[in-house]
């Protein structure tokens, strides 16, 4: 049914629930899962800081998924972790 699921999060409780449900669906459908977090333009002071921040956000996404689904479950689907800089609506 679904071949590719994109789930965006702001790391809130509700956002993390959405990640969990998206991962469950991706595993069930044997599809690809893209987890997305957007860093707003105003939150990045310099391009170098943005790169450092992106690495930290990807680590948060990985931790969130592993905590909610378990490492074994994650291995059952193709997962990409994406962090974008810009307006939230435009980037999603």
Protein backbone atom coordinates (compact mmCIF):
# COMPACT_ATOMS: atom_id res chain seq x y z
CA UNK A 1 0.00 0.00 0.00
CA UNK A 2 2.40 2.74 1.20
CA UNK A 3 5.88 2.67 -0.29
CA UNK A 4 7.32 5.76 1.37
CA UNK A 5 6.21 7.48 4.58
CA UNK A 6 7.48 10.90 5.66
CA UNK A 7 7.03 11.89 9.31
CA UNK A 8 7.96 15.33 10.59
CA UNK A 9 8.62 16.07 14.26
CA UNK A 10 9.40 18.96 16.55
CA UNK A 11 10.47 16.49 19.29
CA UNK A 12 7.32 17.16 21.30
CA UNK A 13 5.41 14.26 22.85
CA UNK A 14 2.87 14.40 20.01
CA UNK A 15 5.62 14.59 17.40
CA UNK A 16 7.32 11.54 18.87
CA UNK A 17 4.03 9.63 18.80
CA UNK A 18 3.74 10.47 15.11
CA UNK A 19 7.25 9.07 14.54
CA UNK A 20 6.31 5.85 16.30
CA UNK A 21 3.15 5.39 14.24
CA UNK A 22 4.99 6.20 11.01
CA UNK A 23 7.65 3.61 11.85
CA UNK A 24 4.98 1.00 12.62
CA UNK A 25 3.33 1.64 9.26
CA UNK A 26 6.62 1.53 7.36
CA UNK A 27 7.54 -1.79 8.97
CA UNK A 28 4.08 -3.23 8.33
CA UNK A 29 4.10 -2.10 4.67
CA UNK A 30 7.78 -2.95 4.17
CA UNK A 31 8.28 0.59 2.94
CA UNK A 32 10.77 3.38 3.32
CA UNK A 33 10.58 5.80 6.27
CA UNK A 34 11.90 9.34 6.20
CA UNK A 35 12.02 11.14 9.55
CA UNK A 36 12.19 14.91 9.15
CA UNK A 37 12.97 17.80 11.47
CA UNK A 38 13.06 21.42 10.32
CA UNK A 39 15.34 23.99 11.95
CA UNK A 40 13.82 27.42 11.43
CA UNK A 41 16.02 30.02 9.67
CA UNK A 42 16.07 32.27 12.73
CA UNK A 43 17.47 29.46 14.88
CA UNK A 44 20.69 29.20 12.87
CA UNK A 45 23.22 31.94 13.45
CA UNK A 46 25.93 30.75 11.03
CA UNK A 47 26.31 28.00 8.42
CA UNK A 48 28.95 26.23 10.55
CA UNK A 49 26.66 26.22 13.57
CA UNK A 50 23.84 24.95 11.37
CA UNK A 51 25.97 21.94 10.34
CA UNK A 52 26.73 21.17 13.99
CA UNK A 53 23.07 21.57 14.91
CA UNK A 54 21.97 19.28 12.08
CA UNK A 55 24.23 16.48 13.34
CA UNK A 56 22.73 16.88 16.81
CA UNK A 57 19.17 16.80 15.48
CA UNK A 58 19.84 13.63 13.47
CA UNK A 59 21.16 11.99 16.64
CA UNK A 60 17.93 13.01 18.43
CA UNK A 61 15.85 11.50 15.63
CA UNK A 62 17.80 8.24 15.81
CA UNK A 63 17.43 8.09 19.61
CA UNK A 64 13.71 8.83 19.42
CA UNK A 65 13.07 6.07 16.90
CA UNK A 66 15.24 3.53 18.73
CA UNK A 67 13.55 4.34 22.04
CA UNK A 68 10.05 4.05 20.64
CA UNK A 69 10.47 1.07 18.31
CA UNK A 70 13.58 -0.74 19.45
CA UNK A 71 16.69 -1.33 17.36
CA UNK A 72 15.45 -4.67 16.01
CA UNK A 73 12.26 -3.13 14.61
CA UNK A 74 14.15 -0.34 12.87
CA UNK A 75 16.23 -2.89 10.96
CA UNK A 76 13.03 -4.11 9.26
CA UNK A 77 12.61 -0.99 7.14
CA UNK A 78 14.72 1.52 5.23
CA UNK A 79 15.04 4.67 7.39
CA UNK A 80 16.40 8.08 6.38
CA UNK A 81 16.97 10.89 8.88
CA UNK A 82 16.61 14.36 7.36
CA UNK A 83 17.10 17.78 8.92
CA UNK A 84 16.33 20.85 6.82
CA UNK A 85 16.90 24.53 7.48
CA UNK A 86 14.16 26.99 6.48
CA UNK A 87 10.50 27.66 6.90
CA UNK A 88 8.68 24.69 8.38
CA UNK A 89 5.77 24.69 5.91
CA UNK A 90 8.07 25.13 2.91
CA UNK A 91 10.48 22.38 3.95
CA UNK A 92 7.89 19.75 4.81
